[in-house]
Amino acid sequence: MRIKESDILHENGDFWVLNHPAGFHVMRRGLTHSTCESAYAQLDLAVTRCDYLANRNQRPAPHSESSM
C-alpha cells in the first residue's frame, strides 16, 4: 500500500492515524518505518487511542524525593 499525506488523519507525538481500506490504524513512528499499534472501525476511537498513547509516553518519569 502506498501512503499519501492525505491518508494521515491525525498526529500526536510519535503516533498517528492512517486511513486504511480495512479501517483506521493507529501507527507508531519508528526510526525506519511505522508499525500498526491497533486498528479501529471508527475514526473517533482511533484518534482517542492515538492521543492516549501519545500522552502516556510524554509523562515525566516518576522521581523519588529524598528525606532529610
C-alpha atoms as a PDB file:
ATOM      1  CA  MET A   1       0.000   0.000   0.000  1.00  0.00           C
ATOM      2  CA  ARG A   2       1.318   3.389  -0.942  1.00  0.00           C
ATOM      3  CA  ILE A   3       0.593   6.037   1.686  1.00  0.00           C
ATOM      4  CA  LYS A   4      -0.133   9.657   0.783  1.00  0.00           C
ATOM      5  CA  GLU A   5      -0.070  12.588   3.167  1.00  0.00           C
ATOM      6  CA  SER A   6      -3.854  12.833   2.807  1.00  0.00           C
ATOM      7  CA  ASP A   7      -4.103   9.315   4.355  1.00  0.00           C
ATOM      8  CA  ILE A   8      -2.782  10.714   7.661  1.00  0.00           C
ATOM      9  CA  LEU A   9      -5.877  11.865   9.531  1.00  0.00           C
ATOM     10  CA  HIS A  10      -4.421  12.771  12.933  1.00  0.00           C
ATOM     11  CA  GLU A  11      -0.965  13.093  14.515  1.00  0.00           C
ATOM     12  CA  ASN A  12       0.181  13.385  18.112  1.00  0.00           C
ATOM     13  CA  GLY A  13       3.823  12.900  19.104  1.00  0.00           C
ATOM     14  CA  ASP A  14       5.120   9.542  17.861  1.00  0.00           C
ATOM     15  CA  PHE A  15       1.612   8.315  16.988  1.00  0.00           C
ATOM     16  CA  TRP A  16      -0.637   8.952  14.004  1.00  0.00           C
ATOM     17  CA  VAL A  17      -3.875   7.654  12.469  1.00  0.00           C
ATOM     18  CA  LEU A  18      -3.829   6.104   8.996  1.00  0.00           C
ATOM     19  CA  ASN A  19      -6.924   5.967   6.810  1.00  0.00           C
ATOM     20  CA  HIS A  20      -6.612   2.355   5.620  1.00  0.00           C
ATOM     21  CA  PRO A  21      -9.120   0.457   3.435  1.00  0.00           C
ATOM     22  CA  ALA A  22      -9.631  -2.000   6.332  1.00  0.00           C
ATOM     23  CA  GLY A  23     -10.323   0.778   8.883  1.00  0.00           C
ATOM     24  CA  PHE A  24      -8.377   3.355  10.853  1.00  0.00           C
ATOM     25  CA  HIS A  25      -4.948   2.220  12.022  1.00  0.00           C
ATOM     26  CA  VAL A  26      -3.104   3.822  14.933  1.00  0.00           C
ATOM     27  CA  MET A  27       0.539   3.858  13.877  1.00  0.00           C
ATOM     28  CA  ARG A  28       3.711   4.384  15.906  1.00  0.00           C
ATOM     29  CA  ARG A  29       6.627   6.171  14.272  1.00  0.00           C
ATOM     30  CA  GLY A  30       9.943   4.341  14.286  1.00  0.00           C
ATOM     31  CA  LEU A  31      13.447   5.054  13.028  1.00  0.00           C
ATOM     32  CA  THR A  32      12.951   3.482   9.607  1.00  0.00           C
ATOM     33  CA  HIS A  33       9.226   2.744   9.415  1.00  0.00           C
ATOM     34  CA  SER A  34       5.955   2.975  11.320  1.00  0.00           C
ATOM     35  CA  THR A  35       4.159  -0.002  12.833  1.00  0.00           C
ATOM     36  CA  CYS A  36       0.468  -0.518  13.482  1.00  0.00           C
ATOM     37  CA  GLU A  37      -0.299  -0.403  17.206  1.00  0.00           C
ATOM     38  CA  SER A  38      -4.043  -1.057  16.832  1.00  0.00           C
ATOM     39  CA  ALA A  39      -6.911  -0.702  14.337  1.00  0.00           C
ATOM     40  CA  TYR A  40     -10.496   0.524  14.669  1.00  0.00           C
ATOM     41  CA  ALA A  41     -13.640   0.715  12.554  1.00  0.00           C
ATOM     42  CA  GLN A  42     -14.426   4.241  13.805  1.00  0.00           C
ATOM     43  CA  LEU A  43     -12.203   7.290  13.399  1.00  0.00           C
ATOM     44  CA  ASP A  44     -13.069   8.789  16.804  1.00  0.00           C
ATOM     45  CA  LEU A  45     -11.867   5.642  18.590  1.00  0.00           C
ATOM     46  CA  ALA A  46      -8.597   5.668  16.640  1.00  0.00           C
ATOM     47  CA  VAL A  47      -7.992   9.355  17.429  1.00  0.00           C
ATOM     48  CA  THR A  48      -8.755   8.793  21.114  1.00  0.00           C
ATOM     49  CA  ARG A  49      -6.334   5.846  21.262  1.00  0.00           C
ATOM     50  CA  CYS A  50      -3.669   7.838  19.398  1.00  0.00           C
ATOM     51  CA  ASP A  51      -3.944  10.728  21.867  1.00  0.00           C
ATOM     52  CA  TYR A  52      -3.941   8.372  24.850  1.00  0.00           C
ATOM     53  CA  LEU A  53      -0.752   6.660  23.705  1.00  0.00           C
ATOM     54  CA  ALA A  54       0.970   9.961  22.916  1.00  0.00           C
ATOM     55  CA  ASN A  55       0.072  11.455  26.303  1.00  0.00           C
ATOM     56  CA  ARG A  56       1.083   8.286  28.144  1.00  0.00           C
ATOM     57  CA  ASN A  57       4.530   8.408  26.545  1.00  0.00           C
ATOM     58  CA  GLN A  58       5.032  12.126  27.271  1.00  0.00           C
ATOM     59  CA  ARG A  59       4.544  11.914  31.035  1.00  0.00           C
ATOM     60  CA  PRO A  60       7.694  12.625  33.008  1.00  0.00           C
ATOM     61  CA  ALA A  61       9.219   9.654  34.774  1.00  0.00           C
ATOM     62  CA  PRO A  62       8.304   9.470  38.464  1.00  0.00           C
ATOM     63  CA  HIS A  63      11.055  10.623  40.792  1.00  0.00           C
ATOM     64  CA  SER A  64      11.645   9.859  44.395  1.00  0.00           C
ATOM     65  CA  GLU A  65      12.104  12.602  46.915  1.00  0.00           C
ATOM     66  CA  SER A  66      14.823  12.044  49.430  1.00  0.00           C
ATOM     67  CA  SER A  67      14.007  12.735  53.055  1.00  0.00           C
ATOM     68  CA  MET A  68      16.346  14.754  55.150  1.00  0.00           C
END
